[in-house]
N, C-alpha and C. Protein backbone atom coordinates (compact mmCIF):
# COMPACT_ATOMS: atom_id res chain seq x y z
N MET A 1 -55.36 123.41 -77.17
CA MET A 1 -54.56 124.20 -78.12
C MET A 1 -53.28 123.45 -78.44
N LYS A 2 -52.95 123.37 -79.71
CA LYS A 2 -51.75 122.66 -80.13
C LYS A 2 -50.50 123.49 -79.83
N PRO A 3 -49.38 122.83 -79.53
CA PRO A 3 -48.15 123.59 -79.27
C PRO A 3 -47.62 124.21 -80.55
N ALA A 4 -46.95 125.34 -80.39
CA ALA A 4 -46.28 125.90 -81.55
C ALA A 4 -45.12 124.99 -81.90
N VAL A 5 -45.06 124.57 -83.15
CA VAL A 5 -43.97 123.70 -83.58
C VAL A 5 -43.44 124.20 -84.91
N ARG A 6 -42.15 124.15 -85.05
CA ARG A 6 -41.50 124.54 -86.29
C ARG A 6 -40.76 123.33 -86.82
N LEU A 7 -41.09 122.91 -88.04
CA LEU A 7 -40.45 121.76 -88.65
C LEU A 7 -39.37 122.22 -89.61
N LEU A 8 -38.19 121.65 -89.46
CA LEU A 8 -37.05 122.03 -90.28
C LEU A 8 -36.48 120.79 -90.96
N PRO A 9 -36.15 120.89 -92.25
CA PRO A 9 -35.48 119.75 -92.89
C PRO A 9 -34.10 119.56 -92.29
N TYR A 10 -33.68 118.34 -92.19
CA TYR A 10 -32.38 118.03 -91.58
C TYR A 10 -31.71 116.99 -92.46
N GLY A 11 -31.46 117.38 -93.71
CA GLY A 11 -30.95 116.43 -94.67
C GLY A 11 -32.10 115.64 -95.30
N PRO A 12 -31.80 114.74 -96.21
CA PRO A 12 -32.85 114.02 -96.94
C PRO A 12 -33.55 112.95 -96.13
N ARG A 13 -33.02 112.59 -94.95
CA ARG A 13 -33.60 111.49 -94.18
C ARG A 13 -33.85 111.84 -92.71
N ALA A 14 -34.12 113.12 -92.46
CA ALA A 14 -34.42 113.51 -91.09
C ALA A 14 -35.22 114.80 -91.09
N VAL A 15 -35.96 115.00 -90.00
CA VAL A 15 -36.70 116.25 -89.81
C VAL A 15 -36.52 116.67 -88.35
N LEU A 16 -36.36 117.96 -88.14
CA LEU A 16 -36.16 118.50 -86.79
C LEU A 16 -37.39 119.30 -86.41
N ALA A 17 -38.01 118.91 -85.28
CA ALA A 17 -39.19 119.62 -84.79
C ALA A 17 -38.81 120.43 -83.57
N GLU A 18 -39.07 121.73 -83.60
CA GLU A 18 -38.76 122.63 -82.49
C GLU A 18 -40.03 122.91 -81.69
N TYR A 19 -39.96 122.76 -80.36
CA TYR A 19 -41.11 122.96 -79.49
C TYR A 19 -40.84 124.08 -78.49
N ASP A 20 -41.89 124.44 -77.75
CA ASP A 20 -41.79 125.54 -76.80
C ASP A 20 -41.05 125.16 -75.52
N ASN A 21 -41.18 123.90 -75.10
CA ASN A 21 -40.60 123.52 -73.83
C ASN A 21 -40.25 122.04 -73.81
N LEU A 22 -39.56 121.64 -72.75
CA LEU A 22 -39.06 120.27 -72.63
C LEU A 22 -40.20 119.27 -72.45
N ASP A 23 -41.26 119.65 -71.75
CA ASP A 23 -42.39 118.74 -71.56
C ASP A 23 -42.97 118.30 -72.90
N GLN A 24 -43.11 119.25 -73.82
CA GLN A 24 -43.63 118.92 -75.15
C GLN A 24 -42.67 117.98 -75.88
N VAL A 25 -41.39 118.23 -75.73
CA VAL A 25 -40.38 117.37 -76.36
C VAL A 25 -40.48 115.94 -75.83
N LEU A 26 -40.52 115.79 -74.51
CA LEU A 26 -40.57 114.46 -73.92
C LEU A 26 -41.86 113.74 -74.27
N GLY A 27 -42.97 114.47 -74.29
CA GLY A 27 -44.23 113.85 -74.67
C GLY A 27 -44.22 113.36 -76.10
N MET A 28 -43.69 114.19 -77.00
CA MET A 28 -43.63 113.79 -78.41
C MET A 28 -42.67 112.64 -78.63
N ALA A 29 -41.50 112.68 -78.03
CA ALA A 29 -40.52 111.61 -78.21
C ALA A 29 -41.09 110.27 -77.74
N ALA A 30 -41.73 110.28 -76.57
CA ALA A 30 -42.31 109.03 -76.05
C ALA A 30 -43.43 108.54 -76.97
N HIS A 31 -44.26 109.46 -77.46
CA HIS A 31 -45.36 109.06 -78.33
C HIS A 31 -44.86 108.47 -79.64
N LEU A 32 -43.86 109.11 -80.23
CA LEU A 32 -43.31 108.59 -81.48
C LEU A 32 -42.73 107.20 -81.31
N ARG A 33 -42.03 106.98 -80.20
CA ARG A 33 -41.46 105.66 -79.96
C ARG A 33 -42.57 104.61 -79.80
N SER A 34 -43.66 104.99 -79.15
CA SER A 34 -44.75 104.04 -78.93
C SER A 34 -45.51 103.73 -80.21
N LEU A 35 -45.55 104.68 -81.14
CA LEU A 35 -46.30 104.48 -82.39
C LEU A 35 -45.64 103.48 -83.32
N GLY A 36 -44.32 103.53 -83.42
CA GLY A 36 -43.63 102.68 -84.37
C GLY A 36 -44.03 102.96 -85.80
N LEU A 37 -44.07 104.25 -86.17
CA LEU A 37 -44.46 104.62 -87.53
C LEU A 37 -43.54 103.99 -88.57
N PRO A 38 -44.11 103.46 -89.65
CA PRO A 38 -43.26 102.90 -90.72
C PRO A 38 -42.29 103.96 -91.25
N GLY A 39 -41.05 103.58 -91.41
CA GLY A 39 -40.05 104.48 -91.96
C GLY A 39 -39.27 105.26 -90.93
N VAL A 40 -39.75 105.31 -89.68
CA VAL A 40 -39.03 106.03 -88.64
C VAL A 40 -37.94 105.13 -88.08
N ILE A 41 -36.70 105.59 -88.16
CA ILE A 41 -35.55 104.80 -87.74
C ILE A 41 -35.13 105.12 -86.31
N ASP A 42 -35.13 106.42 -85.95
CA ASP A 42 -34.68 106.80 -84.62
C ASP A 42 -35.34 108.11 -84.22
N VAL A 43 -35.52 108.29 -82.91
CA VAL A 43 -36.10 109.51 -82.35
C VAL A 43 -35.12 110.04 -81.30
N VAL A 44 -34.66 111.28 -81.49
CA VAL A 44 -33.62 111.83 -80.61
C VAL A 44 -34.12 113.13 -79.99
N PRO A 45 -34.51 113.11 -78.70
CA PRO A 45 -34.95 114.34 -78.05
C PRO A 45 -33.77 115.19 -77.60
N ALA A 46 -34.00 116.50 -77.49
CA ALA A 46 -33.03 117.43 -76.91
C ALA A 46 -33.80 118.39 -76.02
N ALA A 47 -33.23 119.52 -75.67
CA ALA A 47 -33.88 120.43 -74.73
C ALA A 47 -35.17 121.03 -75.30
N ARG A 48 -35.17 121.37 -76.58
CA ARG A 48 -36.35 121.98 -77.19
C ARG A 48 -36.69 121.36 -78.54
N THR A 49 -36.03 120.31 -78.92
CA THR A 49 -36.25 119.73 -80.25
C THR A 49 -36.37 118.21 -80.19
N VAL A 50 -37.00 117.68 -81.23
CA VAL A 50 -37.02 116.24 -81.47
C VAL A 50 -36.51 116.02 -82.89
N LEU A 51 -35.43 115.26 -83.02
CA LEU A 51 -34.88 114.92 -84.33
C LEU A 51 -35.39 113.52 -84.69
N VAL A 52 -36.04 113.41 -85.84
CA VAL A 52 -36.57 112.12 -86.29
C VAL A 52 -35.81 111.69 -87.54
N HIS A 53 -35.11 110.58 -87.43
CA HIS A 53 -34.38 109.99 -88.53
C HIS A 53 -35.32 109.00 -89.23
N HIS A 54 -35.52 109.18 -90.54
CA HIS A 54 -36.44 108.31 -91.27
C HIS A 54 -35.75 107.74 -92.50
N ASP A 55 -36.45 106.88 -93.21
CA ASP A 55 -35.85 106.17 -94.35
C ASP A 55 -35.92 106.91 -95.67
N GLY A 56 -36.41 108.15 -95.64
CA GLY A 56 -36.48 108.94 -96.86
C GLY A 56 -37.77 108.78 -97.64
N GLY A 57 -38.69 107.98 -97.14
CA GLY A 57 -39.97 107.77 -97.81
C GLY A 57 -40.98 108.86 -97.48
N ASP A 58 -42.25 108.56 -97.66
CA ASP A 58 -43.33 109.50 -97.40
C ASP A 58 -43.43 109.77 -95.90
N ILE A 59 -43.34 111.04 -95.51
CA ILE A 59 -43.39 111.37 -94.09
C ILE A 59 -44.65 112.18 -93.74
N ALA A 60 -45.69 112.07 -94.58
CA ALA A 60 -46.91 112.83 -94.32
C ALA A 60 -47.51 112.48 -92.96
N ASP A 61 -47.57 111.20 -92.62
CA ASP A 61 -48.13 110.80 -91.32
C ASP A 61 -47.26 111.30 -90.18
N LEU A 62 -45.96 111.27 -90.37
CA LEU A 62 -45.04 111.76 -89.35
C LEU A 62 -45.25 113.25 -89.09
N VAL A 63 -45.42 114.03 -90.14
CA VAL A 63 -45.62 115.46 -90.00
C VAL A 63 -46.89 115.75 -89.21
N VAL A 64 -47.95 114.99 -89.48
CA VAL A 64 -49.20 115.17 -88.72
C VAL A 64 -48.96 114.92 -87.24
N VAL A 65 -48.27 113.84 -86.92
CA VAL A 65 -48.02 113.50 -85.52
C VAL A 65 -47.18 114.58 -84.84
N LEU A 66 -46.19 115.12 -85.53
CA LEU A 66 -45.30 116.11 -84.93
C LEU A 66 -46.02 117.40 -84.55
N HIS A 67 -47.21 117.62 -85.10
CA HIS A 67 -48.00 118.80 -84.77
C HIS A 67 -48.97 118.55 -83.62
N GLU A 68 -49.01 117.33 -83.11
CA GLU A 68 -49.94 117.01 -82.02
C GLU A 68 -49.33 117.37 -80.66
N ARG A 69 -50.18 117.35 -79.65
CA ARG A 69 -49.73 117.58 -78.27
C ARG A 69 -49.81 116.27 -77.50
N HIS A 70 -48.76 115.96 -76.77
CA HIS A 70 -48.74 114.75 -75.95
C HIS A 70 -48.11 115.06 -74.60
N VAL A 71 -48.65 114.47 -73.57
CA VAL A 71 -48.18 114.72 -72.20
C VAL A 71 -46.89 113.94 -71.96
N ALA A 72 -45.94 114.60 -71.32
CA ALA A 72 -44.69 113.93 -70.98
C ALA A 72 -44.99 112.75 -70.06
N PRO A 73 -44.38 111.59 -70.32
CA PRO A 73 -44.68 110.40 -69.51
C PRO A 73 -44.17 110.55 -68.08
N SER A 74 -44.89 109.91 -67.16
CA SER A 74 -44.44 109.90 -65.76
C SER A 74 -43.30 108.91 -65.61
N ALA A 75 -42.43 109.19 -64.65
CA ALA A 75 -41.29 108.30 -64.39
C ALA A 75 -41.78 106.96 -63.87
N THR A 76 -41.31 105.88 -64.46
CA THR A 76 -41.69 104.53 -64.03
C THR A 76 -40.44 103.65 -64.04
N GLY A 77 -40.55 102.50 -63.38
CA GLY A 77 -39.45 101.55 -63.38
C GLY A 77 -38.53 101.74 -62.20
N GLU A 78 -37.69 100.74 -61.98
CA GLU A 78 -36.73 100.80 -60.89
C GLU A 78 -35.61 101.79 -61.21
N PRO A 79 -35.26 102.64 -60.24
CA PRO A 79 -34.19 103.61 -60.52
C PRO A 79 -32.82 102.96 -60.59
N ILE A 80 -31.97 103.55 -61.41
CA ILE A 80 -30.55 103.21 -61.42
C ILE A 80 -29.89 104.00 -60.30
N GLU A 81 -29.27 103.31 -59.36
CA GLU A 81 -28.66 103.98 -58.22
C GLU A 81 -27.18 104.22 -58.48
N LEU A 82 -26.78 105.47 -58.32
CA LEU A 82 -25.39 105.86 -58.52
C LEU A 82 -24.78 106.27 -57.18
N PRO A 83 -23.79 105.53 -56.69
CA PRO A 83 -23.14 105.90 -55.43
C PRO A 83 -22.30 107.16 -55.63
N VAL A 84 -22.44 108.11 -54.72
CA VAL A 84 -21.76 109.40 -54.87
C VAL A 84 -21.02 109.76 -53.58
N THR A 85 -19.78 110.17 -53.75
CA THR A 85 -19.04 110.80 -52.66
C THR A 85 -19.16 112.31 -52.87
N TYR A 86 -19.82 112.98 -51.96
CA TYR A 86 -20.08 114.41 -52.12
C TYR A 86 -18.88 115.21 -51.60
N ASP A 87 -17.88 115.31 -52.46
CA ASP A 87 -16.64 116.02 -52.12
C ASP A 87 -16.26 116.98 -53.24
N GLY A 88 -17.23 117.46 -53.99
CA GLY A 88 -16.96 118.28 -55.16
C GLY A 88 -16.34 119.62 -54.84
N ALA A 89 -15.58 120.12 -55.80
CA ALA A 89 -14.87 121.39 -55.61
C ALA A 89 -15.82 122.57 -55.42
N ASP A 90 -17.07 122.43 -55.88
CA ASP A 90 -18.01 123.55 -55.80
C ASP A 90 -19.09 123.36 -54.74
N LEU A 91 -18.98 122.31 -53.93
CA LEU A 91 -20.05 122.02 -52.97
C LEU A 91 -20.30 123.20 -52.04
N THR A 92 -19.25 123.75 -51.46
CA THR A 92 -19.45 124.87 -50.53
C THR A 92 -19.89 126.13 -51.25
N VAL A 93 -19.44 126.31 -52.49
CA VAL A 93 -19.85 127.48 -53.28
C VAL A 93 -21.34 127.39 -53.60
N VAL A 94 -21.79 126.20 -53.99
CA VAL A 94 -23.21 125.99 -54.27
C VAL A 94 -24.03 126.23 -53.01
N ALA A 95 -23.55 125.70 -51.89
CA ALA A 95 -24.27 125.89 -50.64
C ALA A 95 -24.43 127.37 -50.31
N SER A 96 -23.35 128.11 -50.46
CA SER A 96 -23.40 129.54 -50.16
C SER A 96 -24.35 130.27 -51.11
N ALA A 97 -24.25 129.96 -52.40
CA ALA A 97 -25.08 130.64 -53.40
C ALA A 97 -26.57 130.33 -53.19
N CYS A 98 -26.85 129.14 -52.71
CA CYS A 98 -28.24 128.72 -52.51
C CYS A 98 -28.73 128.98 -51.08
N ARG A 99 -27.85 129.56 -50.24
CA ARG A 99 -28.18 129.86 -48.85
C ARG A 99 -28.57 128.60 -48.09
N LEU A 100 -27.74 127.59 -48.28
CA LEU A 100 -27.94 126.31 -47.62
C LEU A 100 -26.60 125.88 -47.02
N SER A 101 -26.64 124.88 -46.15
CA SER A 101 -25.41 124.26 -45.70
C SER A 101 -24.99 123.20 -46.71
N ALA A 102 -23.73 122.79 -46.66
CA ALA A 102 -23.28 121.74 -47.56
C ALA A 102 -24.08 120.46 -47.34
N GLY A 103 -24.38 120.16 -46.09
CA GLY A 103 -25.17 118.97 -45.78
C GLY A 103 -26.56 119.05 -46.37
N GLU A 104 -27.15 120.23 -46.36
CA GLU A 104 -28.49 120.40 -46.95
C GLU A 104 -28.45 120.21 -48.46
N VAL A 105 -27.39 120.69 -49.10
CA VAL A 105 -27.24 120.49 -50.54
C VAL A 105 -27.19 119.00 -50.85
N VAL A 106 -26.41 118.26 -50.08
CA VAL A 106 -26.30 116.82 -50.28
C VAL A 106 -27.66 116.15 -50.09
N ASP A 107 -28.36 116.51 -49.01
CA ASP A 107 -29.66 115.91 -48.73
C ASP A 107 -30.67 116.20 -49.84
N ILE A 108 -30.67 117.43 -50.32
CA ILE A 108 -31.62 117.80 -51.37
C ILE A 108 -31.29 117.09 -52.68
N HIS A 109 -30.01 117.09 -53.05
CA HIS A 109 -29.62 116.48 -54.31
C HIS A 109 -29.85 114.97 -54.30
N SER A 110 -29.52 114.33 -53.20
CA SER A 110 -29.66 112.87 -53.13
C SER A 110 -31.08 112.43 -52.77
N GLY A 111 -31.92 113.36 -52.38
CA GLY A 111 -33.27 113.01 -51.97
C GLY A 111 -34.29 112.99 -53.08
N ALA A 112 -33.87 113.31 -54.30
CA ALA A 112 -34.80 113.37 -55.43
C ALA A 112 -34.62 112.18 -56.37
N LEU A 113 -35.68 111.89 -57.12
CA LEU A 113 -35.61 110.94 -58.23
C LEU A 113 -35.49 111.75 -59.51
N TYR A 114 -34.58 111.34 -60.38
CA TYR A 114 -34.34 112.07 -61.62
C TYR A 114 -34.71 111.22 -62.83
N THR A 115 -35.01 111.90 -63.92
CA THR A 115 -35.32 111.24 -65.18
C THR A 115 -34.36 111.76 -66.25
N VAL A 116 -33.81 110.86 -67.04
CA VAL A 116 -32.95 111.28 -68.16
C VAL A 116 -33.85 111.86 -69.24
N ALA A 117 -33.69 113.15 -69.49
CA ALA A 117 -34.50 113.82 -70.52
C ALA A 117 -33.91 113.60 -71.91
N PHE A 118 -32.60 113.76 -72.01
CA PHE A 118 -31.93 113.59 -73.30
C PHE A 118 -30.44 113.44 -73.04
N CYS A 119 -29.70 113.09 -74.07
CA CYS A 119 -28.25 112.91 -73.96
C CYS A 119 -27.56 113.80 -74.98
N GLY A 120 -26.35 114.23 -74.66
CA GLY A 120 -25.62 115.09 -75.59
C GLY A 120 -24.30 115.52 -75.00
N PHE A 121 -23.66 116.48 -75.66
CA PHE A 121 -22.37 117.06 -75.27
C PHE A 121 -21.23 116.09 -75.53
N MET A 122 -21.33 114.87 -75.02
CA MET A 122 -20.34 113.83 -75.29
C MET A 122 -21.03 112.49 -75.09
N PRO A 123 -20.48 111.40 -75.62
CA PRO A 123 -21.09 110.09 -75.43
C PRO A 123 -21.27 109.75 -73.95
N GLY A 124 -22.50 109.38 -73.59
CA GLY A 124 -22.79 108.99 -72.22
C GLY A 124 -23.18 110.12 -71.29
N PHE A 125 -23.19 111.37 -71.79
CA PHE A 125 -23.56 112.50 -70.95
C PHE A 125 -25.07 112.66 -70.98
N ALA A 126 -25.73 112.38 -69.85
CA ALA A 126 -27.19 112.42 -69.76
C ALA A 126 -27.64 113.65 -68.97
N TYR A 127 -28.59 114.38 -69.52
CA TYR A 127 -29.18 115.53 -68.84
C TYR A 127 -30.37 115.04 -68.03
N LEU A 128 -30.25 115.13 -66.70
CA LEU A 128 -31.28 114.63 -65.81
C LEU A 128 -32.15 115.77 -65.31
N ILE A 129 -33.47 115.57 -65.38
CA ILE A 129 -34.41 116.55 -64.85
C ILE A 129 -34.97 116.04 -63.53
N GLY A 130 -35.49 116.97 -62.74
CA GLY A 130 -35.99 116.63 -61.42
C GLY A 130 -35.22 117.30 -60.31
N LEU A 131 -34.26 118.16 -60.69
CA LEU A 131 -33.45 118.87 -59.70
C LEU A 131 -34.31 119.85 -58.93
N ASP A 132 -34.21 119.81 -57.61
CA ASP A 132 -34.96 120.72 -56.76
C ASP A 132 -34.63 122.17 -57.14
N PRO A 133 -35.65 123.03 -57.28
CA PRO A 133 -35.40 124.43 -57.66
C PRO A 133 -34.45 125.16 -56.72
N ARG A 134 -34.33 124.67 -55.48
CA ARG A 134 -33.41 125.32 -54.54
C ARG A 134 -31.95 125.18 -54.97
N LEU A 135 -31.68 124.24 -55.89
CA LEU A 135 -30.31 124.03 -56.36
C LEU A 135 -30.10 124.54 -57.79
N HIS A 136 -31.07 125.26 -58.32
CA HIS A 136 -30.91 125.81 -59.68
C HIS A 136 -29.93 126.98 -59.65
N LEU A 137 -28.86 126.84 -60.42
CA LEU A 137 -27.86 127.89 -60.54
C LEU A 137 -27.41 127.98 -61.99
N PRO A 138 -27.07 129.18 -62.46
CA PRO A 138 -26.49 129.27 -63.80
C PRO A 138 -25.11 128.60 -63.83
N ARG A 139 -24.64 128.31 -65.02
CA ARG A 139 -23.31 127.70 -65.13
C ARG A 139 -22.24 128.65 -64.59
N ARG A 140 -21.09 128.09 -64.30
CA ARG A 140 -19.97 128.89 -63.83
C ARG A 140 -19.61 129.96 -64.85
N ASN A 141 -19.18 131.12 -64.37
CA ASN A 141 -18.75 132.19 -65.27
C ASN A 141 -17.55 131.77 -66.10
N SER A 142 -16.68 130.97 -65.50
CA SER A 142 -15.46 130.51 -66.17
C SER A 142 -15.41 128.99 -66.17
N PRO A 143 -15.62 128.34 -67.32
CA PRO A 143 -15.57 126.87 -67.36
C PRO A 143 -14.19 126.35 -67.00
N ARG A 144 -14.15 125.17 -66.43
CA ARG A 144 -12.88 124.51 -66.14
C ARG A 144 -12.34 123.88 -67.42
N PRO A 145 -11.02 123.93 -67.63
CA PRO A 145 -10.45 123.27 -68.81
C PRO A 145 -10.53 121.75 -68.72
N ARG A 146 -10.65 121.22 -67.49
CA ARG A 146 -10.74 119.77 -67.34
C ARG A 146 -11.57 119.41 -66.12
N VAL A 147 -12.68 118.73 -66.36
CA VAL A 147 -13.51 118.19 -65.28
C VAL A 147 -13.25 116.69 -65.22
N PRO A 148 -12.94 116.13 -64.07
CA PRO A 148 -12.62 114.69 -63.99
C PRO A 148 -13.82 113.80 -64.36
N ALA A 149 -13.54 112.67 -64.93
CA ALA A 149 -14.58 111.68 -65.23
C ALA A 149 -15.28 111.28 -63.94
N GLY A 150 -16.58 111.09 -64.01
CA GLY A 150 -17.36 110.69 -62.85
C GLY A 150 -17.86 111.84 -62.00
N SER A 151 -17.51 113.06 -62.37
CA SER A 151 -17.97 114.22 -61.60
C SER A 151 -19.48 114.36 -61.67
N VAL A 152 -20.09 114.54 -60.52
CA VAL A 152 -21.54 114.77 -60.41
C VAL A 152 -21.74 116.27 -60.29
N ALA A 153 -22.57 116.83 -61.14
CA ALA A 153 -22.63 118.28 -61.25
C ALA A 153 -24.06 118.77 -61.47
N VAL A 154 -24.24 120.08 -61.26
CA VAL A 154 -25.53 120.72 -61.51
C VAL A 154 -25.30 122.00 -62.31
N ALA A 155 -26.31 122.35 -63.12
CA ALA A 155 -26.32 123.62 -63.85
C ALA A 155 -27.75 123.87 -64.32
N ALA A 156 -28.23 125.10 -64.10
CA ALA A 156 -29.61 125.44 -64.45
C ALA A 156 -30.55 124.44 -63.77
N GLU A 157 -31.46 123.82 -64.54
CA GLU A 157 -32.42 122.89 -63.95
C GLU A 157 -31.98 121.43 -64.08
N TYR A 158 -30.73 121.20 -64.47
CA TYR A 158 -30.25 119.84 -64.72
C TYR A 158 -29.18 119.40 -63.72
N THR A 159 -29.07 118.08 -63.57
CA THR A 159 -27.91 117.48 -62.94
C THR A 159 -27.38 116.42 -63.89
N ALA A 160 -26.10 116.06 -63.75
CA ALA A 160 -25.48 115.14 -64.70
C ALA A 160 -24.22 114.55 -64.10
N VAL A 161 -23.71 113.53 -64.80
CA VAL A 161 -22.42 112.93 -64.46
C VAL A 161 -21.53 113.02 -65.69
N TYR A 162 -20.34 113.55 -65.54
CA TYR A 162 -19.40 113.60 -66.66
C TYR A 162 -18.86 112.19 -66.90
N PRO A 163 -19.11 111.61 -68.08
CA PRO A 163 -18.68 110.23 -68.33
C PRO A 163 -17.18 110.10 -68.58
N SER A 164 -16.56 111.17 -69.00
CA SER A 164 -15.11 111.16 -69.21
C SER A 164 -14.59 112.57 -68.95
N ALA A 165 -13.28 112.68 -68.78
CA ALA A 165 -12.69 113.99 -68.50
C ALA A 165 -12.89 114.92 -69.69
N SER A 166 -13.27 116.16 -69.40
CA SER A 166 -13.52 117.12 -70.48
C SER A 166 -13.60 118.52 -69.89
N PRO A 167 -13.55 119.54 -70.72
CA PRO A 167 -13.87 120.88 -70.23
C PRO A 167 -15.32 120.90 -69.75
N GLY A 168 -15.64 121.81 -68.85
CA GLY A 168 -17.02 121.89 -68.38
C GLY A 168 -17.26 123.07 -67.47
N GLY A 169 -18.47 123.60 -67.51
CA GLY A 169 -18.81 124.78 -66.72
C GLY A 169 -19.87 124.53 -65.67
N TRP A 170 -20.15 123.25 -65.37
CA TRP A 170 -21.15 122.94 -64.35
C TRP A 170 -20.51 122.99 -62.95
N HIS A 171 -21.36 123.08 -61.94
CA HIS A 171 -20.91 123.12 -60.55
C HIS A 171 -20.74 121.69 -60.04
N LEU A 172 -19.56 121.38 -59.53
CA LEU A 172 -19.23 120.01 -59.13
C LEU A 172 -19.60 119.76 -57.67
N LEU A 173 -20.49 118.79 -57.46
CA LEU A 173 -20.94 118.44 -56.11
C LEU A 173 -20.20 117.25 -55.53
N GLY A 174 -19.72 116.35 -56.40
CA GLY A 174 -19.08 115.14 -55.92
C GLY A 174 -18.64 114.28 -57.09
N HIS A 175 -18.45 112.98 -56.81
CA HIS A 175 -18.03 112.07 -57.88
C HIS A 175 -18.59 110.67 -57.64
N THR A 176 -18.72 109.93 -58.71
CA THR A 176 -19.15 108.54 -58.66
C THR A 176 -18.14 107.69 -59.44
N ASN A 177 -18.00 106.45 -59.01
CA ASN A 177 -17.14 105.51 -59.74
C ASN A 177 -17.93 104.68 -60.74
N ALA A 178 -19.22 104.94 -60.86
CA ALA A 178 -20.03 104.21 -61.83
C ALA A 178 -19.54 104.49 -63.25
N GLU A 179 -19.48 103.46 -64.08
CA GLU A 179 -19.05 103.62 -65.47
C GLU A 179 -20.23 104.08 -66.32
N MET A 180 -20.15 105.30 -66.82
CA MET A 180 -21.26 105.90 -67.55
C MET A 180 -21.27 105.54 -69.03
N TRP A 181 -20.12 105.18 -69.57
CA TRP A 181 -20.02 104.91 -71.01
C TRP A 181 -18.97 103.83 -71.24
N ASN A 182 -19.37 102.79 -71.98
CA ASN A 182 -18.45 101.71 -72.32
C ASN A 182 -18.79 101.23 -73.73
N ILE A 183 -17.97 101.60 -74.69
CA ILE A 183 -18.25 101.30 -76.08
C ILE A 183 -18.27 99.81 -76.37
N ASP A 184 -17.70 99.01 -75.49
CA ASP A 184 -17.65 97.56 -75.70
C ASP A 184 -18.93 96.85 -75.25
N GLN A 185 -19.82 97.56 -74.58
CA GLN A 185 -21.09 96.98 -74.16
C GLN A 185 -22.12 97.07 -75.28
N SER A 186 -23.10 96.18 -75.27
CA SER A 186 -24.16 96.22 -76.29
C SER A 186 -24.97 97.51 -76.17
N ARG A 187 -25.11 98.03 -74.94
CA ARG A 187 -25.73 99.34 -74.71
C ARG A 187 -24.68 100.19 -74.00
N PRO A 188 -23.89 100.94 -74.77
CA PRO A 188 -22.73 101.64 -74.19
C PRO A 188 -23.06 102.63 -73.08
N ALA A 189 -24.21 103.31 -73.17
CA ALA A 189 -24.55 104.33 -72.18
C ALA A 189 -25.29 103.71 -71.01
N LEU A 190 -24.82 103.97 -69.80
CA LEU A 190 -25.53 103.49 -68.62
C LEU A 190 -26.89 104.17 -68.49
N LEU A 191 -26.93 105.46 -68.81
CA LEU A 191 -28.16 106.23 -68.69
C LEU A 191 -28.68 106.60 -70.07
N GLU A 192 -29.91 106.23 -70.37
CA GLU A 192 -30.55 106.53 -71.65
C GLU A 192 -31.81 107.33 -71.40
N PRO A 193 -32.31 108.07 -72.41
CA PRO A 193 -33.55 108.83 -72.22
C PRO A 193 -34.66 107.97 -71.63
N GLY A 194 -35.27 108.49 -70.57
CA GLY A 194 -36.32 107.76 -69.87
C GLY A 194 -35.85 107.01 -68.64
N SER A 195 -34.53 106.81 -68.50
CA SER A 195 -34.01 106.13 -67.32
C SER A 195 -34.31 106.94 -66.06
N ILE A 196 -34.60 106.23 -64.97
CA ILE A 196 -34.81 106.85 -63.67
C ILE A 196 -33.54 106.69 -62.85
N VAL A 197 -33.13 107.75 -62.17
CA VAL A 197 -31.84 107.76 -61.49
C VAL A 197 -31.98 108.29 -60.07
N ARG A 198 -31.25 107.65 -59.15
CA ARG A 198 -31.15 108.14 -57.78
C ARG A 198 -29.68 108.21 -57.40
N PHE A 199 -29.28 109.31 -56.79
CA PHE A 199 -27.90 109.44 -56.30
C PHE A 199 -27.87 109.02 -54.82
N VAL A 200 -26.97 108.11 -54.49
CA VAL A 200 -26.89 107.56 -53.14
C VAL A 200 -25.60 108.02 -52.48
N PRO A 201 -25.69 108.80 -51.41
CA PRO A 201 -24.47 109.28 -50.74
C PRO A 201 -23.66 108.10 -50.18
N MET A 202 -22.35 108.19 -50.30
CA MET A 202 -21.45 107.17 -49.76
C MET A 202 -20.79 107.67 -48.48
C-alpha cells in the first residue's frame, strides 16, 4: 500500500511532499538523492515533509516518484564522535522524570548510535534520531531565553547539539566543544542528513 502523500506547490521551482511519518520521509529523501532525476537541484527532508527544489521544468517524473514508498536507509559509515561533558542543567531533572539515576541517563544517551534525520531551527542544528525511548520527554514548559552553544539536549524522540547560543526549550544533558557550524568551511555543518553520530562521555 502506498503512503498517503500530499503534494503542495512551493513557488515556481519547488514542491513540498507531506508524508505520514519520518521513516517515509527518510526513505523518499534517500531515494531521490540516489536517482539523480534531471532538473532536481536539492532535496531537503524535515520531520514529515520532503522539499524538492527543481529547475522549473517538467516535473511529471518527480511527481510519480514522490507517490512511491521507499524504506528508510540503514545507518552506515563511520560515526562522527562528539566528546561530551555531562554536566547539563537538566540532567538531574531528566533522571528524575525518567525514573533513572543521572549515571544511567548518561550511559543510555552515550550508548546509542544516532542518525541525522534532518536539519533546521538554525544553521548547523541537526535533529538526531535513535534516542532510547526511556529518555523521551516533551519539551520544557518554559523555554530558556538563552541556551549556550555546544549544549547537548533531548526533546521528544530527538537529541541535538545547539550550534550557537539561542533560545531553546530542550532538556540540557551536557555540552561539547565540537564546532557544529563554520561558515568558512566548504561544508559548514559538521552534521548533515544521514551522518552517524556517537556521543562520547569525557
